[in-house]
Amino acid sequence: MVDCKQIGSKFSVTFLYVTSIFVLLAGIATLSVGIWLFTVSDNISYLLDEVTLFVVAIMIIVVGTLSILAGLFGFYGNSRKNKYIIITYAIVVAFIIFVEFGAGVTALVYQDKVRYELEDNLEYMIRYEYTTSYRATEAKSAIDYLQNECKCCGADGPIDWYQSAYYWDTGKRVPESCCAQGNDCVDDSSYRSSGIYQEGCTLNGGDWMQENLVVAGATCLAIIPVHGIAILAVVCFRWLVPTDLSRLL
């Protein structure tokens, strides 16, 4: 005679093992996205008015780290058949869902604002703050990073460097970060030289930042069902698997 209770118990145990592995993998993916976004934030934060990008990156890193730990915790609790560990695992996963939903929505909302922040700040910083002075290190690093990553030059184009503080300090038309790969364009006679990136960073950089935030936000929201299924696995485990309350850590 088929023992339905035993079959249900084995299914629940297997289901919890599988979902714990998926929670672990989701955590690794999320942590990777968070670290990548944090790197971007760290390099261009000087160009932005708000710290939203930094906050979103930290939230995603927290989600990824907790998800990895939760996956390991769930796997261990399942092997011990310990209801206290499993319930703690479910609570942590529920908290992860809350945080990743907040991070995902924030990233998607903020991506509409980031272009305007770049537009407001970039032209001023190129004209007045990008200099050879040691005090200009943050502005110089942020603008160079943006121009290298986005293959752009100036706010609206390379002509923005004309009459800039950098031009008066050095006599060079553009900084090296404006040069197309493999070219030395800083002494080119024309701003329309093929060796200089012609697209402005307000357009290219704005698009690039929006894409980064959409990827980060979509990743957070897409992983929510994985954690929801993990909680469902805990519910099944709780009802179908007998637990030995004496088997504590």
Protein backbone atom coordinates (compact mmCIF):
# COMPACT_ATOMS: atom_id res chain seq x y z
CA MET A 1 0.00 0.00 0.00
CA VAL A 2 1.31 3.46 -0.94
CA ASP A 3 2.21 5.55 2.08
CA CYS A 4 1.12 9.03 0.97
CA LYS A 5 2.47 10.63 4.12
CA GLN A 6 5.94 9.22 3.52
CA ILE A 7 5.88 10.31 -0.12
CA GLY A 8 4.81 13.81 0.92
CA SER A 9 7.56 13.93 3.52
CA LYS A 10 10.25 12.93 0.99
CA PHE A 11 8.92 15.44 -1.53
CA SER A 12 8.99 18.25 1.04
CA VAL A 13 12.55 17.47 2.06
CA THR A 14 13.70 17.39 -1.57
CA PHE A 15 11.73 20.55 -2.38
CA LEU A 16 13.40 22.40 0.49
CA TYR A 17 16.87 21.22 -0.57
CA VAL A 18 16.28 22.38 -4.15
CA THR A 19 14.88 25.78 -3.15
CA SER A 20 17.75 26.31 -0.70
CA ILE A 21 20.20 25.76 -3.56
CA PHE A 22 18.28 28.22 -5.74
CA VAL A 23 18.27 30.78 -2.91
CA LEU A 24 22.04 30.35 -2.65
CA LEU A 25 22.52 30.79 -6.41
CA ALA A 26 20.19 33.79 -6.45
CA GLY A 27 22.30 35.30 -3.67
CA ILE A 28 25.50 34.86 -5.66
CA ALA A 29 23.92 36.51 -8.71
CA THR A 30 22.49 39.37 -6.66
CA LEU A 31 25.75 39.95 -4.79
CA SER A 32 27.61 40.14 -8.11
CA VAL A 33 25.18 42.79 -9.39
CA GLY A 34 25.46 44.71 -6.12
CA ILE A 35 29.28 44.76 -6.19
CA TRP A 36 29.25 45.85 -9.82
CA LEU A 37 26.76 48.67 -9.08
CA PHE A 38 28.79 49.70 -6.01
CA THR A 39 31.90 50.00 -8.19
CA VAL A 40 30.00 52.24 -10.62
CA SER A 41 28.63 54.31 -7.73
CA ASP A 42 32.04 54.68 -6.14
CA ASN A 43 33.53 55.98 -9.37
CA ILE A 44 30.87 58.50 -10.41
CA SER A 45 29.18 59.51 -7.15
CA TYR A 46 30.87 62.93 -7.34
CA LEU A 47 28.83 63.71 -10.46
CA LEU A 48 25.48 63.00 -8.79
CA ASP A 49 23.52 65.06 -6.28
CA GLU A 50 21.89 62.17 -4.45
CA VAL A 51 23.34 59.09 -2.75
CA THR A 52 20.52 56.93 -4.10
CA LEU A 53 22.81 54.93 -6.38
CA PHE A 54 25.12 54.12 -3.46
CA VAL A 55 22.17 53.17 -1.22
CA VAL A 56 20.69 50.87 -3.88
CA ALA A 57 24.08 49.19 -4.35
CA ILE A 58 24.42 48.58 -0.59
CA MET A 59 20.86 47.22 -0.38
CA ILE A 60 21.56 44.77 -3.21
CA ILE A 61 24.83 43.67 -1.60
CA VAL A 62 22.97 43.07 1.70
CA VAL A 63 20.29 41.08 -0.14
CA GLY A 64 22.89 38.96 -1.93
CA THR A 65 24.87 38.27 1.23
CA LEU A 66 21.78 37.36 3.25
CA SER A 67 20.50 35.16 0.44
CA ILE A 68 23.76 33.20 0.34
CA LEU A 69 23.73 32.73 4.11
CA ALA A 70 20.02 31.84 4.07
CA GLY A 71 20.56 29.21 1.38
CA LEU A 72 23.28 27.56 3.46
CA PHE A 73 21.16 27.88 6.60
CA GLY A 74 18.14 26.30 4.93
CA PHE A 75 20.21 23.42 3.61
CA TYR A 76 21.66 22.81 7.06
CA GLY A 77 18.27 23.08 8.79
CA ASN A 78 16.77 20.62 6.35
CA SER A 79 19.54 18.11 6.99
CA ARG A 80 18.94 18.45 10.74
CA LYS A 81 15.13 18.35 10.40
CA ASN A 82 15.12 21.15 12.94
CA LYS A 83 12.00 23.30 12.88
CA TYR A 84 13.61 26.25 14.66
CA ILE A 85 16.36 26.54 12.04
CA ILE A 86 13.82 26.18 9.22
CA ILE A 87 11.52 28.84 10.69
CA THR A 88 14.48 31.20 11.13
CA TYR A 89 15.39 30.52 7.50
CA ALA A 90 11.86 31.45 6.41
CA ILE A 91 11.96 34.70 8.42
CA VAL A 92 15.28 35.70 6.86
CA VAL A 93 13.97 34.92 3.37
CA ALA A 94 10.84 37.02 4.04
CA PHE A 95 13.08 39.91 5.11
CA ILE A 96 15.13 39.47 1.93
CA ILE A 97 11.96 39.76 -0.18
CA PHE A 98 11.10 43.04 1.55
CA VAL A 99 14.58 44.54 1.01
CA GLU A 100 14.98 43.40 -2.59
CA PHE A 101 11.55 44.76 -3.48
CA GLY A 102 12.56 48.13 -2.03
CA ALA A 103 15.92 48.06 -3.83
CA GLY A 104 14.34 47.05 -7.14
CA VAL A 105 11.64 49.73 -7.06
CA THR A 106 14.12 52.40 -5.95
CA ALA A 107 16.52 51.52 -8.79
CA LEU A 108 13.78 51.64 -11.42
CA VAL A 109 12.39 54.96 -10.12
CA TYR A 110 15.80 56.59 -9.79
CA GLN A 111 16.89 55.65 -13.32
CA ASP A 112 14.58 58.38 -14.64
CA LYS A 113 16.34 61.02 -12.53
CA VAL A 114 19.99 60.11 -13.08
CA ARG A 115 20.19 61.68 -16.55
CA TYR A 116 18.96 65.03 -15.18
CA GLU A 117 21.55 64.95 -12.41
CA LEU A 118 24.33 64.36 -14.94
CA GLU A 119 22.97 67.11 -17.16
CA ASP A 120 22.85 69.56 -14.26
CA ASN A 121 26.35 68.83 -12.95
CA LEU A 122 28.58 67.61 -15.75
CA GLU A 123 28.96 70.78 -17.79
CA TYR A 124 29.82 72.88 -14.72
CA MET A 125 32.39 70.35 -13.47
CA ILE A 126 34.04 70.10 -16.89
CA ARG A 127 34.31 73.87 -17.18
CA TYR A 128 35.42 74.72 -13.64
CA GLU A 129 36.40 71.67 -11.56
CA TYR A 130 38.41 69.43 -13.90
CA THR A 131 41.88 70.91 -13.43
CA THR A 132 45.45 69.77 -12.78
CA SER A 133 45.13 70.85 -9.15
CA TYR A 134 45.36 68.13 -6.51
CA ARG A 135 42.05 69.45 -5.15
CA ALA A 136 40.33 68.34 -8.39
CA THR A 137 41.08 64.65 -7.90
CA GLU A 138 37.46 63.57 -7.33
CA ALA A 139 36.05 65.51 -10.29
CA LYS A 140 38.89 64.38 -12.56
CA SER A 141 38.54 60.69 -11.59
CA ALA A 142 34.75 60.70 -11.99
CA ILE A 143 34.75 62.43 -15.38
CA ASP A 144 37.62 60.30 -16.72
CA TYR A 145 35.83 57.14 -15.61
CA LEU A 146 32.58 58.22 -17.27
CA GLN A 147 34.28 59.21 -20.54
CA ASN A 148 36.24 55.95 -20.68
CA GLU A 149 33.28 53.71 -19.86
CA CYS A 150 30.77 55.44 -22.12
CA LYS A 151 33.16 56.39 -24.94
CA CYS A 152 32.04 59.99 -24.78
CA CYS A 153 33.63 63.41 -24.43
CA GLY A 154 32.33 66.49 -22.67
CA ALA A 155 28.76 67.07 -21.55
CA ASP A 156 27.26 67.62 -25.00
CA GLY A 157 30.40 66.96 -27.04
CA PRO A 158 34.17 67.62 -27.10
CA ILE A 159 33.68 71.35 -27.73
CA ASP A 160 32.69 71.64 -24.04
CA TRP A 161 36.39 71.39 -23.19
CA TYR A 162 37.08 74.63 -25.04
CA GLN A 163 37.63 77.46 -22.54
CA SER A 164 37.55 74.96 -19.67
CA ALA A 165 39.94 75.28 -16.72
CA TYR A 166 41.74 72.20 -18.03
CA TYR A 167 42.30 73.88 -21.41
CA TRP A 168 43.79 76.97 -19.77
CA ASP A 169 45.96 74.88 -17.42
CA THR A 170 47.43 72.58 -20.05
CA GLY A 171 46.75 74.05 -23.49
CA LYS A 172 45.38 70.64 -24.55
CA ARG A 173 42.04 70.43 -26.31
CA VAL A 174 40.73 67.41 -24.40
CA PRO A 175 41.95 65.03 -21.67
CA GLU A 176 43.21 61.56 -22.59
CA SER A 177 39.92 59.96 -21.53
CA CYS A 178 38.31 61.60 -24.59
CA CYS A 179 40.61 59.75 -26.97
CA ALA A 180 39.27 56.79 -28.94
CA GLN A 181 41.13 53.58 -28.15
CA GLY A 182 44.65 53.51 -29.51
CA ASN A 183 44.74 57.23 -30.34
CA ASP A 184 46.65 60.12 -28.82
CA CYS A 185 44.20 62.92 -29.46
CA VAL A 186 45.00 65.55 -26.83
CA ASP A 187 46.95 67.68 -29.31
CA ASP A 188 44.65 67.17 -32.31
CA SER A 189 44.00 70.40 -34.18
CA SER A 190 40.21 69.99 -34.35
CA TYR A 191 37.49 68.99 -31.94
CA ARG A 192 35.97 67.03 -34.84
CA SER A 193 39.01 64.77 -35.11
CA SER A 194 38.22 61.07 -35.60
CA GLY A 195 40.50 60.31 -32.67
CA ILE A 196 38.15 62.09 -30.24
CA TYR A 197 34.86 60.66 -29.05
CA GLN A 198 32.14 62.84 -30.55
CA GLU A 199 29.17 61.83 -28.39
CA GLY A 200 28.47 63.83 -25.25
CA CYS A 201 28.39 62.15 -21.86
CA THR A 202 24.99 63.59 -20.90
CA LEU A 203 23.48 61.35 -23.60
CA ASN A 204 25.81 58.33 -23.51
CA GLY A 205 26.43 58.49 -19.77
CA GLY A 206 22.74 58.97 -19.01
CA ASP A 207 21.83 55.96 -21.15
CA TRP A 208 24.59 53.89 -19.54
CA MET A 209 23.49 54.76 -16.01
CA GLN A 210 19.86 54.06 -16.82
CA GLU A 211 20.79 50.65 -18.24
CA ASN A 212 22.79 49.83 -15.10
CA LEU A 213 19.89 50.74 -12.83
CA VAL A 214 17.33 48.87 -14.94
CA VAL A 215 19.51 45.73 -14.81
CA ALA A 216 19.95 46.07 -11.04
CA GLY A 217 16.25 46.77 -10.41
CA ALA A 218 15.06 44.00 -12.72
CA THR A 219 17.44 41.52 -11.08
CA CYS A 220 16.05 42.29 -7.62
CA LEU A 221 12.42 42.00 -8.73
CA ALA A 222 13.03 38.89 -10.85
CA ILE A 223 14.53 37.00 -7.90
CA ILE A 224 11.57 37.66 -5.59
CA PRO A 225 9.63 34.60 -6.91
CA VAL A 226 12.62 32.39 -6.04
CA HIS A 227 12.43 33.50 -2.43
CA GLY A 228 8.63 33.24 -2.45
CA ILE A 229 8.89 29.60 -3.56
CA ALA A 230 11.48 29.05 -0.82
CA ILE A 231 8.92 30.14 1.79
CA LEU A 232 6.37 27.81 0.19
CA ALA A 233 8.90 24.99 0.58
CA VAL A 234 9.17 25.80 4.29
CA VAL A 235 5.38 25.65 4.65
CA CYS A 236 5.32 22.22 2.98
CA PHE A 237 8.18 21.04 5.15
CA ARG A 238 6.49 22.30 8.31
CA TRP A 239 3.26 20.40 7.62
CA LEU A 240 4.55 17.21 6.03
CA VAL A 241 7.84 16.40 7.75
CA PRO A 242 7.98 15.24 11.37
CA THR A 243 10.71 17.15 13.23
CA ASP A 244 12.82 16.09 16.16
CA LEU A 245 12.85 19.11 18.46
CA SER A 246 15.78 17.69 20.38
CA ARG A 247 18.08 18.01 17.36
CA LEU A 248 19.27 21.51 17.97
CA LEU A 249 22.52 23.15 16.80
